[in-house]
Amino acid sequence: MTAEMSKEIISSRSNKVIKYLKSLGLGRNRQKEGRFLIEGVRMVEEAIDLHGCVLKVIVTPQGMQNQRATYIVSAAREKGVEVLWVADRVIDYISETKTNQGVMALVQPKEFSEDDLEKGSVPVIVVAHLLQDPGNLGTIVRVAEAAGIGGVVTTPGTVDFYNPKALRATMGSIFRLPNIRVDSLEGFVERFRAKGYQVAAAMVSAKVRYFDLDYGKPTIILLGQEGAGLPAEASALADRQITIPMATMMDSMNVSSAASVILYEAVRQRLVRVGGPGQK
C-alpha cells in the first residue's frame, strides 16, 4: 500500500459517499439518479475509454495488484475522474457479487434517442416487454450488438438495463448498443410503424415460422416475459406472429436464446442480399 492510498482510503461503511453508492443497488434509485455501478476490470476498462461516461473509479489496494487496474487508475486521473480508495470490506459492502475484483466505477450512461435505433447495419429493433430476468436482458443486449441490429428497447415492468446482473451479461455492449426505455409499448409501436417498420411478435403458438418473415423490411421484434410470453394486448399490436419450430417435448425456449435465433436469421437474410457482414 502506498502512502497516498493509506492517507485517502475509506474504511467506514457509514461514509456519505459509500452510502450513496450502496443505494444504487436499488433499481428505483438508479432510474432516479440516472447512474449505476459497474464491477470488474474489463467492464471498467471499457467504460473509462468512453468520454464522460465514468464519474468515479472505486478501487481497493488489493485490486491494484492487477496491472490492468493500474491502467484504469492512471487513465482516470488523466481524464480528471476521481479515484476513490476504499477498504476491502467497504467494496464488499457496495458490491453485488460474492467475489469482486476490487475495482468498480460509478457511471453515467450515454443517453440514446429513438433516432439512434435506426442506425444499425441490420434494420431490426428488439423490444423486451415485461422481462424479469436481468441475465436474459443483458444477454439480449450482447447478442443484439453482435448481430448489428439497431438496438434494444424496454417497457414499464421490464427489469432495468443497469441491474448489476444485466450489466455483467452485456459484457460491455451496454455502452455501445443503443438502448432506451419507453413509457408505452403501444406508443412506441405506433411511432415506428409510421416510419415503415413491420411488427412481429415472438409467440410459441404462432403459425408463421421465424425464417419465413422478410427481415429486409425494417422490423420490430416483440419478446415477452419468461414463461408467460407476451400478453394478449401486446401481441395484438403485431402485424405478424412468429414462432421457432421445436421438438414436441419442448414447450418453450429461453427468451435470450430465442432472440439469438431470430436475430441471426435477420443477419443471414441480410448477408444473402448484400454479400457480406455489416454492409448496407
C-alpha atoms as a PDB file:
ATOM      1  CA  MET A   1       0.000   0.000   0.000  1.00  0.00           C
ATOM      2  CA  THR A   2       1.419   3.387  -0.958  1.00  0.00           C
ATOM      3  CA  ALA A   3       1.422   6.343   1.420  1.00  0.00           C
ATOM      4  CA  GLU A   4      -1.114   8.032  -0.862  1.00  0.00           C
ATOM      5  CA  MET A   5      -3.543   5.114  -0.620  1.00  0.00           C
ATOM      6  CA  SER A   6      -3.151   4.871   3.133  1.00  0.00           C
ATOM      7  CA  LYS A   7      -3.982   8.534   3.562  1.00  0.00           C
ATOM      8  CA  GLU A   8      -7.044   8.539   1.316  1.00  0.00           C
ATOM      9  CA  ILE A   9      -8.579   5.127   1.987  1.00  0.00           C
ATOM     10  CA  ILE A  10     -12.202   4.982   3.176  1.00  0.00           C
ATOM     11  CA  SER A  11     -12.749   2.265   5.764  1.00  0.00           C
ATOM     12  CA  SER A  12     -16.235   3.148   7.052  1.00  0.00           C
ATOM     13  CA  ARG A  13     -19.467   1.880   5.522  1.00  0.00           C
ATOM     14  CA  SER A  14     -21.268   4.879   7.028  1.00  0.00           C
ATOM     15  CA  ASN A  15     -19.313   7.312   4.837  1.00  0.00           C
ATOM     16  CA  LYS A  16     -21.766   9.528   2.925  1.00  0.00           C
ATOM     17  CA  VAL A  17     -20.375   8.637  -0.496  1.00  0.00           C
ATOM     18  CA  ILE A  18     -20.347   4.929   0.317  1.00  0.00           C
ATOM     19  CA  LYS A  19     -23.974   5.046   1.448  1.00  0.00           C
ATOM     20  CA  TYR A  20     -24.896   6.773  -1.818  1.00  0.00           C
ATOM     21  CA  LEU A  21     -23.088   4.146  -3.892  1.00  0.00           C
ATOM     22  CA  LYS A  22     -24.807   1.384  -1.926  1.00  0.00           C
ATOM     23  CA  SER A  23     -28.214   2.977  -2.612  1.00  0.00           C
ATOM     24  CA  LEU A  24     -27.707   2.441  -6.340  1.00  0.00           C
ATOM     25  CA  GLY A  25     -28.245  -1.253  -5.747  1.00  0.00           C
ATOM     26  CA  LEU A  26     -31.970  -0.430  -5.931  1.00  0.00           C
ATOM     27  CA  GLY A  27     -33.496  -0.037  -9.381  1.00  0.00           C
ATOM     28  CA  ARG A  28     -35.643   2.940  -8.406  1.00  0.00           C
ATOM     29  CA  ASN A  29     -32.544   4.816  -7.235  1.00  0.00           C
ATOM     30  CA  ARG A  30     -30.648   4.003 -10.429  1.00  0.00           C
ATOM     31  CA  GLN A  31     -33.507   5.340 -12.523  1.00  0.00           C
ATOM     32  CA  LYS A  32     -33.919   8.443 -10.361  1.00  0.00           C
ATOM     33  CA  GLU A  33     -30.217   9.297 -10.407  1.00  0.00           C
ATOM     34  CA  GLY A  34     -29.507   8.170 -13.981  1.00  0.00           C
ATOM     35  CA  ARG A  35     -26.360   6.490 -12.664  1.00  0.00           C
ATOM     36  CA  PHE A  36     -25.228   2.969 -11.891  1.00  0.00           C
ATOM     37  CA  LEU A  37     -22.252   0.958 -10.672  1.00  0.00           C
ATOM     38  CA  ILE A  38     -20.202  -1.406 -12.774  1.00  0.00           C
ATOM     39  CA  GLU A  39     -17.815  -4.027 -11.445  1.00  0.00           C
ATOM     40  CA  GLY A  40     -14.721  -5.792 -12.660  1.00  0.00           C
ATOM     41  CA  VAL A  41     -11.601  -4.794 -14.546  1.00  0.00           C
ATOM     42  CA  ARG A  42     -12.966  -5.496 -18.024  1.00  0.00           C
ATOM     43  CA  MET A  43     -16.165  -3.506 -17.645  1.00  0.00           C
ATOM     44  CA  VAL A  44     -14.412  -0.552 -16.028  1.00  0.00           C
ATOM     45  CA  GLU A  45     -11.704  -0.568 -18.716  1.00  0.00           C
ATOM     46  CA  GLU A  46     -14.316  -0.309 -21.456  1.00  0.00           C
ATOM     47  CA  ALA A  47     -16.169   2.452 -19.653  1.00  0.00           C
ATOM     48  CA  ILE A  48     -13.098   4.551 -18.817  1.00  0.00           C
ATOM     49  CA  ASP A  49     -12.283   4.772 -22.518  1.00  0.00           C
ATOM     50  CA  LEU A  50     -15.660   6.400 -23.229  1.00  0.00           C
ATOM     51  CA  HIS A  51     -15.535  10.174 -22.825  1.00  0.00           C
ATOM     52  CA  GLY A  52     -17.590  11.434 -19.887  1.00  0.00           C
ATOM     53  CA  CYS A  53     -19.047   8.050 -19.013  1.00  0.00           C
ATOM     54  CA  VAL A  54     -17.219   7.325 -15.730  1.00  0.00           C
ATOM     55  CA  LEU A  55     -17.775   9.690 -12.798  1.00  0.00           C
ATOM     56  CA  LYS A  56     -15.735   7.864 -10.143  1.00  0.00           C
ATOM     57  CA  VAL A  57     -13.410   4.877 -10.025  1.00  0.00           C
ATOM     58  CA  ILE A  58     -13.600   2.851  -6.808  1.00  0.00           C
ATOM     59  CA  VAL A  59     -10.609   0.645  -6.071  1.00  0.00           C
ATOM     60  CA  THR A  60      -9.003  -1.250  -3.206  1.00  0.00           C
ATOM     61  CA  PRO A  61      -5.272  -1.695  -2.572  1.00  0.00           C
ATOM     62  CA  GLN A  62      -5.815  -5.407  -3.224  1.00  0.00           C
ATOM     63  CA  GLY A  63      -7.382  -4.585  -6.584  1.00  0.00           C
ATOM     64  CA  MET A  64      -4.260  -2.675  -7.583  1.00  0.00           C
ATOM     65  CA  GLN A  65      -2.319  -5.921  -7.712  1.00  0.00           C
ATOM     66  CA  ASN A  66      -3.889  -6.358 -11.149  1.00  0.00           C
ATOM     67  CA  GLN A  67      -1.826  -4.420 -13.710  1.00  0.00           C
ATOM     68  CA  ARG A  68      -4.976  -3.560 -15.651  1.00  0.00           C
ATOM     69  CA  ALA A  69      -6.273  -1.804 -12.544  1.00  0.00           C
ATOM     70  CA  THR A  70      -3.147   0.330 -12.606  1.00  0.00           C
ATOM     71  CA  TYR A  71      -4.053   1.402 -16.149  1.00  0.00           C
ATOM     72  CA  ILE A  72      -7.598   2.221 -15.044  1.00  0.00           C
ATOM     73  CA  VAL A  73      -6.394   4.464 -12.211  1.00  0.00           C
ATOM     74  CA  SER A  74      -3.873   6.189 -14.491  1.00  0.00           C
ATOM     75  CA  ALA A  75      -6.467   6.733 -17.228  1.00  0.00           C
ATOM     76  CA  ALA A  76      -8.972   8.053 -14.694  1.00  0.00           C
ATOM     77  CA  ARG A  77      -6.549  10.654 -13.417  1.00  0.00           C
ATOM     78  CA  GLU A  78      -5.644  11.725 -16.955  1.00  0.00           C
ATOM     79  CA  LYS A  79      -9.333  12.290 -17.650  1.00  0.00           C
ATOM     80  CA  GLY A  80      -9.943  14.133 -14.381  1.00  0.00           C
ATOM     81  CA  VAL A  81     -12.056  11.301 -12.939  1.00  0.00           C
ATOM     82  CA  GLU A  82     -11.991  10.970  -9.158  1.00  0.00           C
ATOM     83  CA  VAL A  83     -10.348   7.821  -7.777  1.00  0.00           C
ATOM     84  CA  LEU A  84     -11.918   6.623  -4.545  1.00  0.00           C
ATOM     85  CA  TRP A  85      -9.727   4.355  -2.433  1.00  0.00           C
ATOM     86  CA  VAL A  86     -11.726   2.031  -0.181  1.00  0.00           C
ATOM     87  CA  ALA A  87     -11.043  -0.873   2.157  1.00  0.00           C
ATOM     88  CA  ASP A  88     -11.861  -4.421   1.054  1.00  0.00           C
ATOM     89  CA  ARG A  89     -14.777  -4.694   3.461  1.00  0.00           C
ATOM     90  CA  VAL A  90     -16.221  -1.456   2.098  1.00  0.00           C
ATOM     91  CA  ILE A  91     -16.129  -2.574  -1.529  1.00  0.00           C
ATOM     92  CA  ASP A  92     -17.602  -5.900  -0.419  1.00  0.00           C
ATOM     93  CA  TYR A  93     -20.469  -3.914   1.107  1.00  0.00           C
ATOM     94  CA  ILE A  94     -21.105  -1.990  -2.130  1.00  0.00           C
ATOM     95  CA  SER A  95     -20.579  -4.910  -4.498  1.00  0.00           C
ATOM     96  CA  GLU A  96     -23.405  -7.119  -5.761  1.00  0.00           C
ATOM     97  CA  THR A  97     -21.062 -10.051  -6.437  1.00  0.00           C
ATOM     98  CA  LYS A  98     -19.781 -12.642  -3.997  1.00  0.00           C
ATOM     99  CA  THR A  99     -16.184 -12.280  -5.158  1.00  0.00           C
ATOM    100  CA  ASN A 100     -15.269  -8.901  -6.625  1.00  0.00           C
ATOM    101  CA  GLN A 101     -12.007  -7.845  -8.262  1.00  0.00           C
ATOM    102  CA  GLY A 102     -11.555  -4.774  -6.103  1.00  0.00           C
ATOM    103  CA  VAL A 103     -12.377  -2.429  -8.984  1.00  0.00           C
ATOM    104  CA  MET A 104     -15.685  -0.626  -9.568  1.00  0.00           C
ATOM    105  CA  ALA A 105     -16.890   2.561 -11.206  1.00  0.00           C
ATOM    106  CA  LEU A 106     -19.784   4.969 -10.893  1.00  0.00           C
ATOM    107  CA  VAL A 107     -21.139   5.511 -14.386  1.00  0.00           C
ATOM    108  CA  GLN A 108     -23.490   7.957 -16.043  1.00  0.00           C
ATOM    109  CA  PRO A 109     -24.607   6.210 -19.239  1.00  0.00           C
ATOM    110  CA  LYS A 110     -24.846   7.785 -22.653  1.00  0.00           C
ATOM    111  CA  GLU A 111     -28.390   8.840 -23.422  1.00  0.00           C
ATOM    112  CA  PHE A 112     -29.666   7.263 -26.630  1.00  0.00           C
ATOM    113  CA  SER A 113     -32.674   8.517 -28.587  1.00  0.00           C
ATOM    114  CA  GLU A 114     -35.204   6.675 -30.723  1.00  0.00           C
ATOM    115  CA  ASP A 115     -33.386   8.016 -33.781  1.00  0.00           C
ATOM    116  CA  ASP A 116     -30.298   6.030 -32.726  1.00  0.00           C
ATOM    117  CA  LEU A 117     -32.286   2.807 -33.055  1.00  0.00           C
ATOM    118  CA  GLU A 118     -32.412   3.233 -36.822  1.00  0.00           C
ATOM    119  CA  LYS A 119     -28.646   3.279 -37.347  1.00  0.00           C
ATOM    120  CA  GLY A 120     -27.914  -0.451 -37.163  1.00  0.00           C
ATOM    121  CA  SER A 121     -26.499  -2.339 -40.136  1.00  0.00           C
ATOM    122  CA  VAL A 122     -29.462  -4.725 -39.829  1.00  0.00           C
ATOM    123  CA  PRO A 123     -32.813  -2.843 -39.708  1.00  0.00           C
ATOM    124  CA  VAL A 124     -34.215  -4.663 -36.672  1.00  0.00           C
ATOM    125  CA  ILE A 125     -35.130  -3.439 -33.188  1.00  0.00           C
ATOM    126  CA  VAL A 126     -35.860  -5.742 -30.249  1.00  0.00           C
ATOM    127  CA  VAL A 127     -38.491  -4.756 -27.692  1.00  0.00           C
ATOM    128  CA  ALA A 128     -38.250  -6.640 -24.392  1.00  0.00           C
ATOM    129  CA  HIS A 129     -41.693  -6.455 -22.784  1.00  0.00           C
ATOM    130  CA  LEU A 130     -42.090  -7.426 -19.114  1.00  0.00           C
ATOM    131  CA  LEU A 131     -38.855  -9.468 -18.944  1.00  0.00           C
ATOM    132  CA  GLN A 132     -37.911 -10.173 -15.338  1.00  0.00           C
ATOM    133  CA  ASP A 133     -34.575 -11.976 -15.568  1.00  0.00           C
ATOM    134  CA  PRO A 134     -31.686  -9.474 -15.744  1.00  0.00           C
ATOM    135  CA  GLY A 135     -29.357 -12.097 -17.180  1.00  0.00           C
ATOM    136  CA  ASN A 136     -31.707 -12.615 -20.114  1.00  0.00           C
ATOM    137  CA  LEU A 137     -31.945  -8.902 -20.816  1.00  0.00           C
ATOM    138  CA  GLY A 138     -28.181  -8.466 -20.649  1.00  0.00           C
ATOM    139  CA  THR A 139     -27.622 -11.412 -22.986  1.00  0.00           C
ATOM    140  CA  ILE A 140     -30.118  -9.992 -25.480  1.00  0.00           C
ATOM    141  CA  VAL A 141     -28.174  -6.706 -25.497  1.00  0.00           C
ATOM    142  CA  ARG A 142     -24.929  -8.607 -26.063  1.00  0.00           C
ATOM    143  CA  VAL A 143     -26.361 -10.652 -28.938  1.00  0.00           C
ATOM    144  CA  ALA A 144     -28.034  -7.588 -30.440  1.00  0.00           C
ATOM    145  CA  GLU A 145     -24.708  -5.770 -30.665  1.00  0.00           C
ATOM    146  CA  ALA A 146     -23.033  -8.797 -32.214  1.00  0.00           C
ATOM    147  CA  ALA A 147     -25.821  -9.052 -34.799  1.00  0.00           C
ATOM    148  CA  GLY A 148     -25.522  -5.371 -35.726  1.00  0.00           C
ATOM    149  CA  ILE A 149     -29.177  -4.518 -35.157  1.00  0.00           C
ATOM    150  CA  GLY A 150     -30.499  -1.084 -34.257  1.00  0.00           C
ATOM    151  CA  GLY A 151     -30.901  -1.572 -30.542  1.00  0.00           C
ATOM    152  CA  VAL A 152     -32.950  -2.883 -27.627  1.00  0.00           C
ATOM    153  CA  VAL A 153     -35.990  -1.227 -26.052  1.00  0.00           C
ATOM    154  CA  THR A 154     -37.615  -1.987 -22.709  1.00  0.00           C
ATOM    155  CA  THR A 155     -41.090  -1.131 -21.454  1.00  0.00           C
ATOM    156  CA  PRO A 156     -42.551  -0.449 -17.993  1.00  0.00           C
ATOM    157  CA  GLY A 157     -42.426  -3.615 -15.913  1.00  0.00           C
ATOM    158  CA  THR A 158     -39.225  -4.893 -17.517  1.00  0.00           C
ATOM    159  CA  VAL A 159     -36.049  -5.222 -15.445  1.00  0.00           C
ATOM    160  CA  ASP A 160     -33.796  -2.212 -15.966  1.00  0.00           C
ATOM    161  CA  PHE A 161     -30.708  -2.268 -18.178  1.00  0.00           C
ATOM    162  CA  TYR A 162     -28.499  -1.206 -15.281  1.00  0.00           C
ATOM    163  CA  ASN A 163     -29.354  -4.055 -12.958  1.00  0.00           C
ATOM    164  CA  PRO A 164     -25.937  -5.440 -11.893  1.00  0.00           C
ATOM    165  CA  LYS A 165     -26.653  -8.908 -13.321  1.00  0.00           C
ATOM    166  CA  ALA A 166     -27.879  -7.419 -16.591  1.00  0.00           C
ATOM    167  CA  LEU A 167     -24.766  -5.266 -16.843  1.00  0.00           C
ATOM    168  CA  ARG A 168     -22.463  -8.230 -16.345  1.00  0.00           C
ATOM    169  CA  ALA A 169     -24.303 -10.209 -19.005  1.00  0.00           C
ATOM    170  CA  THR A 170     -23.876  -7.410 -21.559  1.00  0.00           C
ATOM    171  CA  MET A 171     -20.077  -7.690 -21.224  1.00  0.00           C
ATOM    172  CA  GLY A 172     -19.719  -4.014 -22.145  1.00  0.00           C
ATOM    173  CA  SER A 173     -22.248  -3.949 -25.004  1.00  0.00           C
ATOM    174  CA  ILE A 174     -24.458  -1.670 -22.904  1.00  0.00           C
ATOM    175  CA  PHE A 175     -22.018   1.184 -23.570  1.00  0.00           C
ATOM    176  CA  ARG A 176     -22.210   0.842 -27.360  1.00  0.00           C
ATOM    177  CA  LEU A 177     -25.594  -0.535 -28.378  1.00  0.00           C
ATOM    178  CA  PRO A 178     -28.492   1.954 -28.409  1.00  0.00           C
ATOM    179  CA  ASN A 179     -30.789   1.056 -25.518  1.00  0.00           C
ATOM    180  CA  ILE A 180     -33.801   3.009 -24.338  1.00  0.00           C
ATOM    181  CA  ARG A 181     -36.747   2.610 -22.021  1.00  0.00           C
ATOM    182  CA  VAL A 182     -40.123   3.801 -23.311  1.00  0.00           C
ATOM    183  CA  ASP A 183     -43.212   4.771 -21.354  1.00  0.00           C
ATOM    184  CA  SER A 184     -45.637   2.922 -23.599  1.00  0.00           C
ATOM    185  CA  LEU A 185     -45.272  -0.140 -25.819  1.00  0.00           C
ATOM    186  CA  GLU A 186     -48.268   0.907 -27.893  1.00  0.00           C
ATOM    187  CA  GLY A 187     -46.932   4.428 -28.402  1.00  0.00           C
ATOM    188  CA  PHE A 188     -43.515   3.146 -29.460  1.00  0.00           C
ATOM    189  CA  VAL A 189     -45.018   0.684 -31.934  1.00  0.00           C
ATOM    190  CA  GLU A 190     -47.235   3.387 -33.425  1.00  0.00           C
ATOM    191  CA  ARG A 191     -44.304   5.764 -33.927  1.00  0.00           C
ATOM    192  CA  PHE A 192     -42.151   3.194 -35.681  1.00  0.00           C
ATOM    193  CA  ARG A 193     -44.962   1.703 -37.726  1.00  0.00           C
ATOM    194  CA  ALA A 194     -45.461   5.207 -39.109  1.00  0.00           C
ATOM    195  CA  LYS A 195     -41.796   5.063 -40.181  1.00  0.00           C
ATOM    196  CA  GLY A 196     -42.398   1.888 -42.169  1.00  0.00           C
ATOM    197  CA  TYR A 197     -41.491  -0.775 -39.614  1.00  0.00           C
ATOM    198  CA  GLN A 198     -43.338  -4.084 -39.535  1.00  0.00           C
ATOM    199  CA  VAL A 199     -44.016  -5.544 -36.095  1.00  0.00           C
ATOM    200  CA  ALA A 200     -43.512  -9.236 -35.338  1.00  0.00           C
ATOM    201  CA  ALA A 201     -44.412 -10.886 -32.035  1.00  0.00           C
ATOM    202  CA  ALA A 202     -42.454 -13.986 -30.993  1.00  0.00           C
ATOM    203  CA  MET A 203     -45.083 -16.481 -29.837  1.00  0.00           C
ATOM    204  CA  VAL A 204     -44.882 -20.212 -29.149  1.00  0.00           C
ATOM    205  CA  SER A 205     -48.411 -20.649 -30.563  1.00  0.00           C
ATOM    206  CA  ALA A 206     -47.796 -18.720 -33.798  1.00  0.00           C
ATOM    207  CA  LYS A 207     -48.168 -20.408 -37.208  1.00  0.00           C
ATOM    208  CA  VAL A 208     -45.568 -18.397 -39.162  1.00  0.00           C
ATOM    209  CA  ARG A 209     -42.026 -19.721 -38.770  1.00  0.00           C
ATOM    210  CA  TYR A 210     -39.439 -17.102 -37.835  1.00  0.00           C
ATOM    211  CA  PHE A 211     -37.401 -17.744 -41.019  1.00  0.00           C
ATOM    212  CA  ASP A 212     -40.430 -17.109 -43.232  1.00  0.00           C
ATOM    213  CA  LEU A 213     -40.522 -13.446 -42.193  1.00  0.00           C
ATOM    214  CA  ASP A 214     -38.788 -10.965 -44.512  1.00  0.00           C
ATOM    215  CA  TYR A 215     -36.303  -9.063 -42.349  1.00  0.00           C
ATOM    216  CA  GLY A 216     -35.234  -6.939 -45.288  1.00  0.00           C
ATOM    217  CA  LYS A 217     -38.065  -4.651 -44.280  1.00  0.00           C
ATOM    218  CA  PRO A 218     -37.384  -2.649 -41.091  1.00  0.00           C
ATOM    219  CA  THR A 219     -38.697  -4.839 -38.285  1.00  0.00           C
ATOM    220  CA  ILE A 220     -39.598  -4.622 -34.611  1.00  0.00           C
ATOM    221  CA  ILE A 221     -39.393  -7.937 -32.738  1.00  0.00           C
ATOM    222  CA  LEU A 222     -41.563  -8.143 -29.621  1.00  0.00           C
ATOM    223  CA  LEU A 223     -40.256 -10.529 -26.958  1.00  0.00           C
ATOM    224  CA  GLY A 224     -42.327 -11.366 -23.908  1.00  0.00           C
ATOM    225  CA  GLN A 225     -41.846 -12.454 -20.337  1.00  0.00           C
ATOM    226  CA  GLU A 226     -40.008 -15.650 -19.489  1.00  0.00           C
ATOM    227  CA  GLY A 227     -42.529 -18.471 -19.332  1.00  0.00           C
ATOM    228  CA  ALA A 228     -45.689 -16.410 -19.759  1.00  0.00           C
ATOM    229  CA  GLY A 229     -44.664 -14.837 -23.061  1.00  0.00           C
ATOM    230  CA  LEU A 230     -46.382 -11.771 -24.480  1.00  0.00           C
ATOM    231  CA  PRO A 231     -49.759 -10.764 -23.041  1.00  0.00           C
ATOM    232  CA  ALA A 232     -52.679 -10.596 -25.480  1.00  0.00           C
ATOM    233  CA  GLU A 233     -52.729  -6.803 -25.616  1.00  0.00           C
ATOM    234  CA  ALA A 234     -49.063  -6.761 -26.647  1.00  0.00           C
ATOM    235  CA  SER A 235     -49.270  -9.500 -29.271  1.00  0.00           C
ATOM    236  CA  ALA A 236     -52.321  -7.752 -30.734  1.00  0.00           C
ATOM    237  CA  LEU A 237     -50.047  -4.850 -31.721  1.00  0.00           C
ATOM    238  CA  ALA A 238     -48.102  -7.086 -34.119  1.00  0.00           C
ATOM    239  CA  ASP A 239     -48.588  -7.390 -37.871  1.00  0.00           C
ATOM    240  CA  ARG A 240     -47.298 -10.964 -37.736  1.00  0.00           C
ATOM    241  CA  GLN A 241     -46.798 -13.567 -35.048  1.00  0.00           C
ATOM    242  CA  ILE A 242     -43.735 -15.788 -35.493  1.00  0.00           C
ATOM    243  CA  THR A 243     -42.531 -18.970 -33.843  1.00  0.00           C
ATOM    244  CA  ILE A 244     -39.380 -21.066 -33.598  1.00  0.00           C
ATOM    245  CA  PRO A 245     -40.141 -24.698 -34.527  1.00  0.00           C
ATOM    246  CA  MET A 246     -39.220 -27.036 -31.679  1.00  0.00           C
ATOM    247  CA  ALA A 247     -39.363 -30.744 -30.942  1.00  0.00           C
ATOM    248  CA  THR A 248     -42.676 -31.874 -29.472  1.00  0.00           C
ATOM    249  CA  MET A 249     -41.239 -32.415 -25.977  1.00  0.00           C
ATOM    250  CA  MET A 250     -40.286 -28.723 -25.815  1.00  0.00           C
ATOM    251  CA  ASP A 251     -42.949 -26.179 -24.947  1.00  0.00           C
ATOM    252  CA  SER A 252     -40.789 -23.049 -24.809  1.00  0.00           C
ATOM    253  CA  MET A 253     -37.281 -21.641 -25.302  1.00  0.00           C
ATOM    254  CA  ASN A 254     -35.243 -19.319 -23.132  1.00  0.00           C
ATOM    255  CA  VAL A 255     -36.046 -15.782 -24.290  1.00  0.00           C
ATOM    256  CA  SER A 256     -32.422 -14.775 -24.855  1.00  0.00           C
ATOM    257  CA  SER A 257     -31.866 -17.960 -26.878  1.00  0.00           C
ATOM    258  CA  ALA A 258     -34.972 -17.183 -28.921  1.00  0.00           C
ATOM    259  CA  ALA A 259     -33.685 -13.664 -29.534  1.00  0.00           C
ATOM    260  CA  SER A 260     -30.377 -15.075 -30.769  1.00  0.00           C
ATOM    261  CA  VAL A 261     -32.079 -17.438 -33.210  1.00  0.00           C
ATOM    262  CA  ILE A 262     -34.357 -14.746 -34.639  1.00  0.00           C
ATOM    263  CA  LEU A 263     -31.724 -12.018 -34.878  1.00  0.00           C
ATOM    264  CA  TYR A 264     -29.260 -14.222 -36.687  1.00  0.00           C
ATOM    265  CA  GLU A 265     -31.906 -15.164 -39.215  1.00  0.00           C
ATOM    266  CA  ALA A 266     -32.199 -11.437 -39.896  1.00  0.00           C
ATOM    267  CA  VAL A 267     -28.406 -11.328 -40.265  1.00  0.00           C
ATOM    268  CA  ARG A 268     -28.441 -14.353 -42.603  1.00  0.00           C
ATOM    269  CA  GLN A 269     -31.053 -12.770 -44.845  1.00  0.00           C
ATOM    270  CA  ARG A 270     -29.033  -9.557 -44.860  1.00  0.00           C
ATOM    271  CA  LEU A 271     -25.872 -11.394 -45.903  1.00  0.00           C
ATOM    272  CA  VAL A 272     -27.676 -13.145 -48.744  1.00  0.00           C
ATOM    273  CA  ARG A 273     -28.844  -9.769 -50.056  1.00  0.00           C
ATOM    274  CA  VAL A 274     -25.662  -7.724 -49.730  1.00  0.00           C
ATOM    275  CA  GLY A 275     -22.962 -10.376 -49.878  1.00  0.00           C
ATOM    276  CA  GLY A 276     -21.053  -9.564 -46.695  1.00  0.00           C
ATOM    277  CA  PRO A 277     -21.388  -8.830 -42.959  1.00  0.00           C
ATOM    278  CA  GLY A 278     -22.161  -5.326 -41.787  1.00  0.00           C
ATOM    279  CA  GLN A 279     -22.731  -3.922 -45.272  1.00  0.00           C
ATOM    280  CA  LYS A 280     -25.582  -1.608 -46.102  1.00  0.00           C
END
